[in-house]
Each structure stands twice: as structure tokens, then as C-alpha cells.
Amino acid sequence: MAENEKNIINEDDEESSIITLTGDDGEQIDFELLDIINYSGTDYAVLAPADEESENADQVVIFRVEDGDKEVNTLTPVTNPETANAIFELFKTKNANNYDFS
């Protein structure tokens, strides 16, 4: 699942950013951008399903942010579990006051 989103990295934006990703089957799913985490010199987007009624509403997904051009970035799923866990641990540390991780 990957899709382009304009201005995905805008850390000054206080409003939540909704990103629509298109799966391989063409289904579109909305995600909320929770944070951008830099890990080993690469930016990663931490996303949660925007639909709070979703059965996966309490889970996050992590995508590598690849710069396409100045207006569009491409998101590529992180498939390495060690990398995903390391990024999620950084996210938890950075956002300990914003989310309940218990």
C-alpha cells in the first residue's frame, strides 16, 4: 500500500493530517499522521486508521517517507520488524505525554 500525499511533512501544522492511501486492490483507506520519526537518517511516518470505529483503530502502521518532488512524497511500508519496532519505540518515547501506551 503506497500513495502520494502533498506536504506530508509539516511538523508546524497543529491540525491532524489525514492521508489517503490506496492499496494494491484499489481500496482507499484514510489514516491520521501521528508523527514523523527520523531513524538512521531516514524519515518515517507513523499513521493510525482515521476511522475510530475500525477494528484496527488502536494500532499504528509505519511507512518510509520518500521524497518524490517538492509537493509530493511517497510512502513505502516498513516490512522489517526490527526497524518497525525501533521506530515505534522512538515514537513512544517522543510522544509519552500525548498517548497512553499501556
Protein backbone atom coordinates (compact mmCIF):
# COMPACT_ATOMS: atom_id res chain seq x y z
CA MET A 1 0.00 0.00 0.00
CA ALA A 2 1.52 3.29 -1.02
CA GLU A 3 0.21 6.59 -2.20
CA ASN A 4 1.37 10.12 -2.64
CA GLU A 5 0.33 12.90 -0.31
CA LYS A 6 1.08 16.57 -0.68
CA ASN A 7 3.08 18.17 2.11
CA ILE A 8 3.09 15.13 4.38
CA ILE A 9 5.94 16.56 6.44
CA ASN A 10 4.65 19.71 8.03
CA GLU A 11 5.57 19.48 11.69
CA ASP A 12 4.30 23.02 12.37
CA ASP A 13 0.74 22.08 11.39
CA GLU A 14 -1.26 21.68 14.59
CA GLU A 15 -4.27 20.21 12.82
CA SER A 16 -4.35 16.48 12.28
CA SER A 17 -3.29 15.43 8.82
CA ILE A 18 -5.41 12.87 7.05
CA ILE A 19 -3.62 10.82 4.42
CA THR A 20 -5.48 8.62 1.95
CA LEU A 21 -3.55 5.52 0.94
CA THR A 22 -4.53 3.29 -1.95
CA GLY A 23 -3.97 -0.45 -1.57
CA ASP A 24 -2.96 -2.89 -4.27
CA ASP A 25 -6.64 -3.73 -4.72
CA GLY A 26 -7.50 -0.07 -5.33
CA GLU A 27 -9.25 0.36 -1.98
CA GLN A 28 -8.65 3.75 -0.39
CA ILE A 29 -8.09 3.98 3.36
CA ASP A 30 -7.76 7.16 5.41
CA PHE A 31 -5.03 7.42 8.04
CA GLU A 32 -4.13 10.12 10.53
CA LEU A 33 -0.49 11.21 10.51
CA LEU A 34 0.59 10.91 14.14
CA ASP A 35 4.25 11.87 13.77
CA ILE A 36 7.33 11.85 11.61
CA ILE A 37 10.25 9.97 13.18
CA ASN A 38 13.81 10.19 11.89
CA TYR A 39 15.65 6.89 12.25
CA SER A 40 19.13 6.29 10.84
CA GLY A 41 18.88 9.38 8.64
CA THR A 42 15.53 8.41 7.09
CA ASP A 43 12.10 9.87 7.87
CA TYR A 44 9.25 7.52 8.75
CA ALA A 45 5.56 8.36 9.04
CA VAL A 46 3.65 6.85 11.96
CA LEU A 47 0.00 6.53 10.95
CA ALA A 48 -3.21 5.35 12.62
CA PRO A 49 -6.52 4.49 10.96
CA ALA A 50 -8.62 7.66 10.76
CA ASP A 51 -11.81 5.63 11.26
CA GLU A 52 -12.09 5.33 15.05
CA GLU A 53 -14.69 2.58 14.54
CA SER A 54 -12.13 0.42 12.71
CA GLU A 55 -11.13 -2.86 14.35
CA ASN A 56 -7.50 -1.66 13.98
CA ALA A 57 -8.13 1.82 15.44
CA ASP A 58 -5.67 1.25 18.28
CA GLN A 59 -2.83 0.15 16.01
CA VAL A 60 -0.27 2.15 14.06
CA VAL A 61 1.42 1.49 10.75
CA ILE A 62 4.84 2.80 9.80
CA PHE A 63 5.90 3.95 6.34
CA ARG A 64 9.22 5.20 5.00
CA VAL A 65 8.85 8.70 3.54
CA GLU A 66 10.48 9.01 0.15
CA ASP A 67 10.75 12.46 -1.37
CA GLY A 68 9.16 12.49 -4.79
CA ASP A 69 9.35 16.18 -5.55
CA LYS A 70 8.77 19.31 -3.52
CA GLU A 71 4.97 18.85 -3.40
CA VAL A 72 4.54 15.07 -3.20
CA ASN A 73 6.07 12.36 -1.02
CA THR A 74 5.72 8.61 -1.49
CA LEU A 75 5.09 6.31 1.45
CA THR A 76 6.54 2.80 1.40
CA PRO A 77 5.51 0.26 4.06
CA VAL A 78 8.21 -0.79 6.53
CA THR A 79 8.39 -4.59 6.30
CA ASN A 80 11.40 -5.22 8.55
CA PRO A 81 10.05 -5.95 12.06
CA GLU A 82 13.24 -4.78 13.80
CA THR A 83 13.13 -1.44 12.01
CA ALA A 84 9.41 -1.02 12.70
CA ASN A 85 9.90 -1.83 16.40
CA ALA A 86 12.82 0.61 16.73
CA ILE A 87 10.78 3.39 15.10
CA PHE A 88 7.77 2.63 17.30
CA GLU A 89 9.94 2.77 20.43
CA LEU A 90 11.24 6.21 19.35
CA PHE A 91 7.65 7.29 18.70
CA LYS A 92 6.57 6.12 22.17
CA THR A 93 9.45 7.95 23.84
CA LYS A 94 8.81 11.16 21.91
CA ASN A 95 5.05 11.04 22.48
CA ALA A 96 4.83 9.64 26.02
CA ASN A 97 2.81 12.68 27.13
CA ASN A 98 0.45 12.59 24.14
CA TYR A 99 -0.74 8.95 24.07
CA ASP A 100 -1.49 6.17 26.52
CA PHE A 101 0.76 3.23 25.58
CA SER A 102 -0.32 0.92 28.40
